[in-house]
Each structure stands twice: as structure tokens, then as C-alpha cells.
Amino acid sequence: NLGLIEPNVYINQPFEKMMVDGVEMEFQNTPGTEAPAEMNTYFPQF
């Protein structure tokens, strides 16, 4: 079963930081690479 739940948080900036339940993440938007909408993520704590 392939499904889809619409996101409730979008990463719009080229680089965007976010803290989720104690985990820090920095998202790197990479549109036009392997997919038209794609992003990498860095975990500075780890």
C-alpha cells in the first residue's frame, strides 16, 4: 500500500535549522538534483 500524508512543515530556505524533541538538524535544500524537490540533513550533535 503506497500512501501519502501531506507535510505540515516545509523547508523553504537553502539552509534551515530546526530542533525536534532535543535533536538539532540543519536541512540543505538541493532542488533539481536526484529529484525536483530534495534535501540533505546534517546532525551537528552527532
All heavy atoms as atom14 arrays in JSON, in Angstrom:
{
  "sequence": "NLGLIEPNVYINQPFEKMMVDGVEMEFQNTPGTEAPAEMNTYFPQF",
  "atom14_mask": [
    [1, 1, 1, 1, 1, 1, 1, 1, 0, 0, 0, 0, 0, 0],
    [1, 1, 1, 1, 1, 1, 1, 1, 0, 0, 0, 0, 0, 0],
    [1, 1, 1, 1, 0, 0, 0, 0, 0, 0, 0, 0, 0, 0],
    [1, 1, 1, 1, 1, 1, 1, 1, 0, 0, 0, 0, 0, 0],
    [1, 1, 1, 1, 1, 1, 1, 1, 0, 0, 0, 0, 0, 0],
    [1, 1, 1, 1, 1, 1, 1, 1, 1, 0, 0, 0, 0, 0],
    [1, 1, 1, 1, 1, 1, 1, 0, 0, 0, 0, 0, 0, 0],
    [1, 1, 1, 1, 1, 1, 1, 1, 0, 0, 0, 0, 0, 0],
    [1, 1, 1, 1, 1, 1, 1, 0, 0, 0, 0, 0, 0, 0],
    [1, 1, 1, 1, 1, 1, 1, 1, 1, 1, 1, 1, 0, 0],
    [1, 1, 1, 1, 1, 1, 1, 1, 0, 0, 0, 0, 0, 0],
    [1, 1, 1, 1, 1, 1, 1, 1, 0, 0, 0, 0, 0, 0],
    [1, 1, 1, 1, 1, 1, 1, 1, 1, 0, 0, 0, 0, 0],
    [1, 1, 1, 1, 1, 1, 1, 0, 0, 0, 0, 0, 0, 0],
    [1, 1, 1, 1, 1, 1, 1, 1, 1, 1, 1, 0, 0, 0],
    [1, 1, 1, 1, 1, 1, 1, 1, 1, 0, 0, 0, 0, 0],
    [1, 1, 1, 1, 1, 1, 1, 1, 1, 0, 0, 0, 0, 0],
    [1, 1, 1, 1, 1, 1, 1, 1, 0, 0, 0, 0, 0, 0],
    [1, 1, 1, 1, 1, 1, 1, 1, 0, 0, 0, 0, 0, 0],
    [1, 1, 1, 1, 1, 1, 1, 0, 0, 0, 0, 0, 0, 0],
    [1, 1, 1, 1, 1, 1, 1, 1, 0, 0, 0, 0, 0, 0],
    [1, 1, 1, 1, 0, 0, 0, 0, 0, 0, 0, 0, 0, 0],
    [1, 1, 1, 1, 1, 1, 1, 0, 0, 0, 0, 0, 0, 0],
    [1, 1, 1, 1, 1, 1, 1, 1, 1, 0, 0, 0, 0, 0],
    [1, 1, 1, 1, 1, 1, 1, 1, 0, 0, 0, 0, 0, 0],
    [1, 1, 1, 1, 1, 1, 1, 1, 1, 0, 0, 0, 0, 0],
    [1, 1, 1, 1, 1, 1, 1, 1, 1, 1, 1, 0, 0, 0],
    [1, 1, 1, 1, 1, 1, 1, 1, 1, 0, 0, 0, 0, 0],
    [1, 1, 1, 1, 1, 1, 1, 1, 0, 0, 0, 0, 0, 0],
    [1, 1, 1, 1, 1, 1, 1, 0, 0, 0, 0, 0, 0, 0],
    [1, 1, 1, 1, 1, 1, 1, 0, 0, 0, 0, 0, 0, 0],
    [1, 1, 1, 1, 0, 0, 0, 0, 0, 0, 0, 0, 0, 0],
    [1, 1, 1, 1, 1, 1, 1, 0, 0, 0, 0, 0, 0, 0],
    [1, 1, 1, 1, 1, 1, 1, 1, 1, 0, 0, 0, 0, 0],
    [1, 1, 1, 1, 1, 0, 0, 0, 0, 0, 0, 0, 0, 0],
    [1, 1, 1, 1, 1, 1, 1, 0, 0, 0, 0, 0, 0, 0],
    [1, 1, 1, 1, 1, 0, 0, 0, 0, 0, 0, 0, 0, 0],
    [1, 1, 1, 1, 1, 1, 1, 1, 1, 0, 0, 0, 0, 0],
    [1, 1, 1, 1, 1, 1, 1, 1, 0, 0, 0, 0, 0, 0],
    [1, 1, 1, 1, 1, 1, 1, 1, 0, 0, 0, 0, 0, 0],
    [1, 1, 1, 1, 1, 1, 1, 0, 0, 0, 0, 0, 0, 0],
    [1, 1, 1, 1, 1, 1, 1, 1, 1, 1, 1, 1, 0, 0],
    [1, 1, 1, 1, 1, 1, 1, 1, 1, 1, 1, 0, 0, 0],
    [1, 1, 1, 1, 1, 1, 1, 0, 0, 0, 0, 0, 0, 0],
    [1, 1, 1, 1, 1, 1, 1, 1, 1, 0, 0, 0, 0, 0],
    [1, 1, 1, 1, 1, 1, 1, 1, 1, 1, 1, 0, 0, 0]
  ],
  "atom14_positions": [
    [[0.83, -1.21, 0.0], [0.0, 0.0, 0.0], [0.86, 1.26, 0.0], [1.57, 1.54, 0.97], [-0.9, 0.02, 1.24], [-2.05, -0.94, 1.12], [-3.04, -0.65, 0.47], [-1.91, -2.11, 1.75], [0.0, 0.0, 0.0], [0.0, 0.0, 0.0], [0.0, 0.0, 0.0], [0.0, 0.0, 0.0], [0.0, 0.0, 0.0], [0.0, 0.0, 0.0]],
    [[0.81, 2.0, -1.08], [1.52, 3.27, -1.17], [0.57, 4.39, -0.73], [-0.53, 4.51, -1.24], [2.0, 3.52, -2.59], [2.85, 4.77, -2.85], [3.86, 4.51, -3.96], [1.99, 5.99, -3.22], [0.0, 0.0, 0.0], [0.0, 0.0, 0.0], [0.0, 0.0, 0.0], [0.0, 0.0, 0.0], [0.0, 0.0, 0.0], [0.0, 0.0, 0.0]],
    [[1.01, 5.17, 0.25], [0.17, 6.26, 0.76], [0.95, 7.56, 0.81], [2.13, 7.62, 0.49], [0.0, 0.0, 0.0], [0.0, 0.0, 0.0], [0.0, 0.0, 0.0], [0.0, 0.0, 0.0], [0.0, 0.0, 0.0], [0.0, 0.0, 0.0], [0.0, 0.0, 0.0], [0.0, 0.0, 0.0], [0.0, 0.0, 0.0], [0.0, 0.0, 0.0]],
    [[0.27, 8.59, 1.23], [0.89, 9.91, 1.34], [0.13, 10.73, 2.35], [-1.09, 10.85, 2.27], [0.89, 10.61, -0.03], [1.4, 12.06, -0.07], [2.86, 12.13, 0.37], [1.24, 12.64, -1.47], [0.0, 0.0, 0.0], [0.0, 0.0, 0.0], [0.0, 0.0, 0.0], [0.0, 0.0, 0.0], [0.0, 0.0, 0.0], [0.0, 0.0, 0.0]],
    [[0.84, 11.26, 3.34], [0.28, 12.23, 4.28], [0.97, 13.56, 4.01], [2.2, 13.63, 3.99], [0.49, 11.78, 5.74], [-0.26, 10.47, 6.02], [0.03, 12.87, 6.71], [-0.02, 9.9, 7.4], [0.0, 0.0, 0.0], [0.0, 0.0, 0.0], [0.0, 0.0, 0.0], [0.0, 0.0, 0.0], [0.0, 0.0, 0.0], [0.0, 0.0, 0.0]],
    [[0.19, 14.59, 3.8], [0.76, 15.89, 3.45], [1.63, 16.42, 4.58], [1.24, 16.36, 5.76], [-0.35, 16.89, 3.14], [0.18, 18.23, 2.66], [-0.93, 19.18, 2.22], [-2.12, 18.79, 2.3], [-0.6, 20.3, 1.8], [0.0, 0.0, 0.0], [0.0, 0.0, 0.0], [0.0, 0.0, 0.0], [0.0, 0.0, 0.0], [0.0, 0.0, 0.0]],
    [[2.81, 16.92, 4.25], [3.68, 17.5, 5.28], [3.01, 18.69, 5.97], [2.18, 19.38, 5.38], [4.91, 17.96, 4.49], [4.89, 17.14, 3.23], [3.44, 16.93, 2.92], [0.0, 0.0, 0.0], [0.0, 0.0, 0.0], [0.0, 0.0, 0.0], [0.0, 0.0, 0.0], [0.0, 0.0, 0.0], [0.0, 0.0, 0.0], [0.0, 0.0, 0.0]],
    [[3.37, 18.9, 7.23], [2.9, 20.1, 7.93], [4.04, 21.07, 8.24], [3.82, 22.11, 8.85], [2.13, 19.73, 9.21], [2.91, 18.81, 10.13], [4.13, 18.65, 9.99], [2.22, 18.17, 11.08], [0.0, 0.0, 0.0], [0.0, 0.0, 0.0], [0.0, 0.0, 0.0], [0.0, 0.0, 0.0], [0.0, 0.0, 0.0], [0.0, 0.0, 0.0]],
    [[5.25, 20.72, 7.79], [6.41, 21.61, 7.92], [7.19, 21.55, 6.61], [7.55, 20.45, 6.15], [7.33, 21.2, 9.08], [8.55, 22.13, 9.15], [6.58, 21.21, 10.4], [0.0, 0.0, 0.0], [0.0, 0.0, 0.0], [0.0, 0.0, 0.0], [0.0, 0.0, 0.0], [0.0, 0.0, 0.0], [0.0, 0.0, 0.0], [0.0, 0.0, 0.0]],
    [[7.47, 22.7, 6.02], [8.25, 22.75, 4.78], [9.56, 23.49, 4.99], [9.6, 24.5, 5.71], [7.45, 23.43, 3.66], [6.36, 22.55, 3.09], [5.04, 22.68, 3.54], [6.63, 21.59, 2.12], [4.04, 21.88, 3.04], [5.63, 20.79, 1.6], [4.34, 20.93, 2.06], [3.35, 20.13, 1.56], [0.0, 0.0, 0.0], [0.0, 0.0, 0.0]],
    [[10.6, 23.0, 4.36], [11.91, 23.65, 4.41], [12.03, 24.49, 3.15], [12.12, 23.97, 2.03], [13.04, 22.59, 4.47], [12.82, 21.67, 5.68], [14.4, 23.28, 4.54], [12.72, 22.37, 7.02], [0.0, 0.0, 0.0], [0.0, 0.0, 0.0], [0.0, 0.0, 0.0], [0.0, 0.0, 0.0], [0.0, 0.0, 0.0], [0.0, 0.0, 0.0]],
    [[12.03, 25.81, 3.33], [11.98, 26.73, 2.19], [13.31, 27.4, 1.88], [13.54, 27.81, 0.75], [10.92, 27.81, 2.46], [9.52, 27.24, 2.54], [9.0, 26.7, 1.57], [8.9, 27.34, 3.71], [0.0, 0.0, 0.0], [0.0, 0.0, 0.0], [0.0, 0.0, 0.0], [0.0, 0.0, 0.0], [0.0, 0.0, 0.0], [0.0, 0.0, 0.0]],
    [[14.18, 27.51, 2.87], [15.44, 28.21, 2.67], [16.52, 27.25, 2.18], [16.42, 26.04, 2.38], [15.88, 28.87, 3.98], [14.88, 29.87, 4.54], [14.52, 30.96, 3.56], [15.4, 31.54, 2.91], [13.24, 31.24, 3.43], [0.0, 0.0, 0.0], [0.0, 0.0, 0.0], [0.0, 0.0, 0.0], [0.0, 0.0, 0.0], [0.0, 0.0, 0.0]],
    [[17.58, 27.77, 1.55], [18.67, 26.9, 1.11], [19.26, 26.09, 2.27], [19.59, 24.91, 2.11], [19.69, 27.87, 0.52], [18.88, 29.05, 0.08], [17.78, 29.16, 1.08], [0.0, 0.0, 0.0], [0.0, 0.0, 0.0], [0.0, 0.0, 0.0], [0.0, 0.0, 0.0], [0.0, 0.0, 0.0], [0.0, 0.0, 0.0], [0.0, 0.0, 0.0]],
    [[19.37, 26.72, 3.43], [19.82, 26.04, 4.66], [18.89, 26.48, 5.78], [18.61, 27.67, 5.94], [21.27, 26.41, 5.0], [22.25, 26.04, 3.94], [22.65, 26.96, 2.98], [22.78, 24.76, 3.87], [23.54, 26.62, 1.99], [23.69, 24.4, 2.89], [24.07, 25.33, 1.94], [0.0, 0.0, 0.0], [0.0, 0.0, 0.0], [0.0, 0.0, 0.0]],
    [[18.39, 25.51, 6.54], [17.41, 25.85, 7.57], [17.61, 24.94, 8.77], [17.62, 23.71, 8.63], [16.0, 25.69, 6.99], [14.91, 26.36, 7.8], [13.6, 26.47, 7.03], [13.64, 26.73, 5.81], [12.55, 26.28, 7.67], [0.0, 0.0, 0.0], [0.0, 0.0, 0.0], [0.0, 0.0, 0.0], [0.0, 0.0, 0.0], [0.0, 0.0, 0.0]],
    [[17.74, 25.53, 9.96], [17.95, 24.77, 11.19], [16.62, 24.52, 11.9], [15.71, 25.33, 11.84], [18.92, 25.5, 12.12], [20.34, 25.59, 11.58], [21.27, 26.28, 12.57], [22.69, 26.32, 12.03], [23.63, 27.0, 12.96], [0.0, 0.0, 0.0], [0.0, 0.0, 0.0], [0.0, 0.0, 0.0], [0.0, 0.0, 0.0], [0.0, 0.0, 0.0]],
    [[16.57, 23.39, 12.59], [15.36, 23.03, 13.32], [15.73, 22.11, 14.47], [16.6, 21.24, 14.33], [14.36, 22.33, 12.39], [13.02, 22.02, 13.03], [11.9, 21.17, 11.88], [11.75, 22.4, 10.59], [0.0, 0.0, 0.0], [0.0, 0.0, 0.0], [0.0, 0.0, 0.0], [0.0, 0.0, 0.0], [0.0, 0.0, 0.0], [0.0, 0.0, 0.0]],
    [[15.06, 22.29, 15.61], [15.21, 21.41, 16.76], [13.91, 20.62, 16.91], [12.83, 21.2, 16.98], [15.5, 22.21, 18.02], [15.7, 21.35, 19.27], [17.32, 20.54, 19.32], [18.37, 21.93, 19.8], [0.0, 0.0, 0.0], [0.0, 0.0, 0.0], [0.0, 0.0, 0.0], [0.0, 0.0, 0.0], [0.0, 0.0, 0.0], [0.0, 0.0, 0.0]],
    [[14.01, 19.3, 16.94], [12.85, 18.44, 17.13], [13.12, 17.51, 18.3], [13.98, 16.63, 18.23], [12.53, 17.62, 15.86], [11.38, 16.65, 16.13], [12.18, 18.54, 14.7], [0.0, 0.0, 0.0], [0.0, 0.0, 0.0], [0.0, 0.0, 0.0], [0.0, 0.0, 0.0], [0.0, 0.0, 0.0], [0.0, 0.0, 0.0], [0.0, 0.0, 0.0]],
    [[12.42, 17.72, 19.39], [12.49, 16.85, 20.57], [13.94, 16.56, 20.98], [14.33, 15.42, 21.22], [11.74, 15.55, 20.28], [11.42, 14.77, 21.56], [11.27, 15.4, 22.62], [11.33, 13.52, 21.48], [0.0, 0.0, 0.0], [0.0, 0.0, 0.0], [0.0, 0.0, 0.0], [0.0, 0.0, 0.0], [0.0, 0.0, 0.0], [0.0, 0.0, 0.0]],
    [[14.73, 17.63, 21.05], [16.1, 17.51, 21.53], [17.13, 17.19, 20.47], [18.33, 17.13, 20.77], [0.0, 0.0, 0.0], [0.0, 0.0, 0.0], [0.0, 0.0, 0.0], [0.0, 0.0, 0.0], [0.0, 0.0, 0.0], [0.0, 0.0, 0.0], [0.0, 0.0, 0.0], [0.0, 0.0, 0.0], [0.0, 0.0, 0.0], [0.0, 0.0, 0.0]],
    [[16.71, 17.0, 19.21], [17.65, 16.7, 18.13], [17.75, 17.91, 17.21], [16.75, 18.38, 16.66], [17.21, 15.47, 17.32], [18.1, 15.27, 16.1], [17.24, 14.22, 18.2], [0.0, 0.0, 0.0], [0.0, 0.0, 0.0], [0.0, 0.0, 0.0], [0.0, 0.0, 0.0], [0.0, 0.0, 0.0], [0.0, 0.0, 0.0], [0.0, 0.0, 0.0]],
    [[18.98, 18.4, 17.04], [19.22, 19.55, 16.18], [19.52, 19.05, 14.76], [20.31, 18.14, 14.56], [20.4, 20.38, 16.69], [20.65, 21.64, 15.89], [21.84, 22.44, 16.39], [22.4, 22.06, 17.44], [22.21, 23.43, 15.73], [0.0, 0.0, 0.0], [0.0, 0.0, 0.0], [0.0, 0.0, 0.0], [0.0, 0.0, 0.0], [0.0, 0.0, 0.0]],
    [[18.87, 19.69, 13.79], [19.08, 19.34, 12.39], [19.26, 20.6, 11.56], [18.64, 21.63, 11.85], [17.89, 18.54, 11.84], [17.65, 17.21, 12.52], [16.16, 16.36, 11.93], [14.88, 17.29, 12.78], [0.0, 0.0, 0.0], [0.0, 0.0, 0.0], [0.0, 0.0, 0.0], [0.0, 0.0, 0.0], [0.0, 0.0, 0.0], [0.0, 0.0, 0.0]],
    [[20.13, 20.53, 10.56], [20.19, 21.59, 9.55], [19.9, 20.95, 8.2], [20.58, 20.02, 7.77], [21.55, 22.28, 9.5], [21.58, 23.37, 8.42], [22.81, 24.25, 8.46], [22.85, 25.16, 9.31], [23.73, 24.02, 7.64], [0.0, 0.0, 0.0], [0.0, 0.0, 0.0], [0.0, 0.0, 0.0], [0.0, 0.0, 0.0], [0.0, 0.0, 0.0]],
    [[18.86, 21.46, 7.54], [18.44, 20.94, 6.25], [19.1, 21.74, 5.13], [19.17, 22.97, 5.19], [16.92, 21.0, 6.11], [16.19, 20.18, 7.14], [15.57, 20.8, 8.22], [16.13, 18.81, 7.04], [14.89, 20.06, 9.17], [15.46, 18.04, 8.0], [14.84, 18.67, 9.06], [0.0, 0.0, 0.0], [0.0, 0.0, 0.0], [0.0, 0.0, 0.0]],
    [[19.56, 21.04, 4.11], [20.14, 21.66, 2.92], [19.24, 21.34, 1.74], [19.16, 20.21, 1.28], [21.54, 21.12, 2.63], [22.15, 21.67, 1.34], [23.34, 20.84, 0.82], [23.63, 19.78, 1.36], [24.0, 21.33, -0.21], [0.0, 0.0, 0.0], [0.0, 0.0, 0.0], [0.0, 0.0, 0.0], [0.0, 0.0, 0.0], [0.0, 0.0, 0.0]],
    [[18.53, 22.35, 1.24], [17.69, 22.13, 0.06], [18.57, 21.93, -1.17], [19.5, 22.71, -1.42], [16.76, 23.33, -0.16], [15.34, 23.04, 0.3], [14.81, 21.95, 0.06], [14.72, 24.01, 0.96], [0.0, 0.0, 0.0], [0.0, 0.0, 0.0], [0.0, 0.0, 0.0], [0.0, 0.0, 0.0], [0.0, 0.0, 0.0], [0.0, 0.0, 0.0]],
    [[18.27, 20.88, -1.95], [19.05, 20.57, -3.16], [18.1, 20.33, -4.33], [18.11, 19.26, -4.94], [19.95, 19.34, -2.95], [19.11, 18.19, -2.68], [20.91, 19.54, -1.8], [0.0, 0.0, 0.0], [0.0, 0.0, 0.0], [0.0, 0.0, 0.0], [0.0, 0.0, 0.0], [0.0, 0.0, 0.0], [0.0, 0.0, 0.0], [0.0, 0.0, 0.0]],
    [[17.29, 21.32, -4.69], [16.32, 21.09, -5.78], [17.04, 20.83, -7.1], [18.13, 21.34, -7.35], [15.54, 22.41, -5.82], [16.48, 23.43, -5.26], [17.25, 22.7, -4.19], [0.0, 0.0, 0.0], [0.0, 0.0, 0.0], [0.0, 0.0, 0.0], [0.0, 0.0, 0.0], [0.0, 0.0, 0.0], [0.0, 0.0, 0.0], [0.0, 0.0, 0.0]],
    [[16.42, 19.99, -7.92], [16.98, 19.74, -9.24], [18.14, 18.78, -9.28], [18.86, 18.72, -10.27], [0.0, 0.0, 0.0], [0.0, 0.0, 0.0], [0.0, 0.0, 0.0], [0.0, 0.0, 0.0], [0.0, 0.0, 0.0], [0.0, 0.0, 0.0], [0.0, 0.0, 0.0], [0.0, 0.0, 0.0], [0.0, 0.0, 0.0], [0.0, 0.0, 0.0]],
    [[18.34, 18.03, -8.21], [19.41, 17.02, -8.23], [18.78, 15.68, -8.58], [18.29, 15.48, -9.68], [20.14, 16.98, -6.87], [19.17, 16.89, -5.81], [20.97, 18.23, -6.66], [0.0, 0.0, 0.0], [0.0, 0.0, 0.0], [0.0, 0.0, 0.0], [0.0, 0.0, 0.0], [0.0, 0.0, 0.0], [0.0, 0.0, 0.0], [0.0, 0.0, 0.0]],
    [[18.75, 14.74, -7.63], [18.15, 13.43, -7.91], [16.64, 13.53, -8.02], [16.01, 12.69, -8.65], [18.58, 12.45, -6.81], [18.23, 11.01, -7.09], [16.85, 10.64, -6.6], [16.35, 11.29, -5.66], [16.27, 9.68, -7.16], [0.0, 0.0, 0.0], [0.0, 0.0, 0.0], [0.0, 0.0, 0.0], [0.0, 0.0, 0.0], [0.0, 0.0, 0.0]],
    [[16.05, 14.54, -7.42], [14.6, 14.79, -7.54], [14.39, 16.3, -7.64], [15.23, 17.08, -7.2], [13.85, 14.22, -6.34], [0.0, 0.0, 0.0], [0.0, 0.0, 0.0], [0.0, 0.0, 0.0], [0.0, 0.0, 0.0], [0.0, 0.0, 0.0], [0.0, 0.0, 0.0], [0.0, 0.0, 0.0], [0.0, 0.0, 0.0], [0.0, 0.0, 0.0]],
    [[13.26, 16.71, -8.19], [13.0, 18.16, -8.28], [12.91, 18.83, -6.91], [13.22, 20.01, -6.78], [11.66, 18.22, -9.02], [11.52, 16.91, -9.7], [12.21, 15.92, -8.84], [0.0, 0.0, 0.0], [0.0, 0.0, 0.0], [0.0, 0.0, 0.0], [0.0, 0.0, 0.0], [0.0, 0.0, 0.0], [0.0, 0.0, 0.0], [0.0, 0.0, 0.0]],
    [[12.44, 18.07, -5.9], [12.41, 18.58, -4.52], [13.15, 17.57, -3.65], [12.69, 16.43, -3.49], [10.97, 18.74, -4.05], [0.0, 0.0, 0.0], [0.0, 0.0, 0.0], [0.0, 0.0, 0.0], [0.0, 0.0, 0.0], [0.0, 0.0, 0.0], [0.0, 0.0, 0.0], [0.0, 0.0, 0.0], [0.0, 0.0, 0.0], [0.0, 0.0, 0.0]],
    [[14.28, 17.97, -3.1], [15.1, 17.05, -2.3], [15.93, 17.86, -1.31], [16.27, 19.01, -1.55], [16.01, 16.22, -3.21], [16.77, 15.12, -2.49], [17.08, 13.92, -3.37], [16.69, 13.92, -4.55], [17.7, 12.97, -2.86], [0.0, 0.0, 0.0], [0.0, 0.0, 0.0], [0.0, 0.0, 0.0], [0.0, 0.0, 0.0], [0.0, 0.0, 0.0]],
    [[16.27, 17.21, -0.18], [17.1, 17.91, 0.8], [17.97, 16.92, 1.58], [17.56, 15.8, 1.87], [16.24, 18.73, 1.76], [15.31, 17.93, 2.65], [14.24, 19.01, 3.64], [13.41, 17.79, 4.66], [0.0, 0.0, 0.0], [0.0, 0.0, 0.0], [0.0, 0.0, 0.0], [0.0, 0.0, 0.0], [0.0, 0.0, 0.0], [0.0, 0.0, 0.0]],
    [[19.18, 17.37, 1.86], [20.08, 16.66, 2.78], [19.85, 17.17, 4.19], [19.21, 18.21, 4.4], [21.54, 16.92, 2.38], [21.86, 16.46, 0.97], [21.33, 15.47, 0.49], [22.76, 17.18, 0.31], [0.0, 0.0, 0.0], [0.0, 0.0, 0.0], [0.0, 0.0, 0.0], [0.0, 0.0, 0.0], [0.0, 0.0, 0.0], [0.0, 0.0, 0.0]],
    [[20.42, 16.46, 5.18], [20.28, 16.87, 6.58], [21.59, 16.63, 7.32], [22.2, 15.57, 7.16], [19.16, 16.07, 7.29], [17.96, 16.14, 6.53], [18.9, 16.62, 8.69], [0.0, 0.0, 0.0], [0.0, 0.0, 0.0], [0.0, 0.0, 0.0], [0.0, 0.0, 0.0], [0.0, 0.0, 0.0], [0.0, 0.0, 0.0], [0.0, 0.0, 0.0]],
    [[21.98, 17.61, 8.13], [23.17, 17.45, 8.97], [22.75, 17.48, 10.44], [21.9, 18.27, 10.85], [24.19, 18.55, 8.71], [25.49, 18.33, 9.46], [26.27, 17.2, 9.23], [25.93, 19.24, 10.43], [27.44, 16.97, 9.93], [27.11, 19.03, 11.11], [27.86, 17.89, 10.87], [29.03, 17.65, 11.56], [0.0, 0.0, 0.0], [0.0, 0.0, 0.0]],
    [[23.34, 16.55, 11.21], [23.09, 16.46, 12.65], [24.36, 16.88, 13.39], [25.26, 16.07, 13.61], [22.74, 15.02, 13.04], [21.52, 14.47, 12.36], [21.61, 13.86, 11.12], [20.27, 14.57, 12.96], [20.5, 13.34, 10.49], [19.14, 14.06, 12.34], [19.25, 13.45, 11.09], [0.0, 0.0, 0.0], [0.0, 0.0, 0.0], [0.0, 0.0, 0.0]],
    [[24.47, 18.17, 13.77], [25.72, 18.65, 14.38], [26.03, 17.97, 15.71], [27.21, 17.79, 16.04], [25.47, 20.16, 14.55], [23.99, 20.34, 14.47], [23.5, 19.26, 13.58], [0.0, 0.0, 0.0], [0.0, 0.0, 0.0], [0.0, 0.0, 0.0], [0.0, 0.0, 0.0], [0.0, 0.0, 0.0], [0.0, 0.0, 0.0], [0.0, 0.0, 0.0]],
    [[25.01, 17.57, 16.48], [25.28, 16.9, 17.76], [25.97, 15.56, 17.56], [26.75, 15.11, 18.4], [23.95, 16.67, 18.51], [23.21, 17.92, 18.93], [21.72, 17.65, 19.08], [21.07, 17.24, 18.13], [21.18, 17.88, 20.27], [0.0, 0.0, 0.0], [0.0, 0.0, 0.0], [0.0, 0.0, 0.0], [0.0, 0.0, 0.0], [0.0, 0.0, 0.0]],
    [[25.68, 14.9, 16.44], [26.21, 13.56, 16.19], [27.3, 13.55, 15.12], [27.87, 12.49, 14.84], [25.08, 12.63, 15.75], [23.83, 12.73, 16.57], [22.58, 12.74, 15.95], [23.88, 12.82, 17.96], [21.41, 12.84, 16.7], [22.71, 12.91, 18.71], [21.47, 12.94, 18.07], [0.0, 0.0, 0.0], [0.0, 0.0, 0.0], [0.0, 0.0, 0.0]]
  ]
}
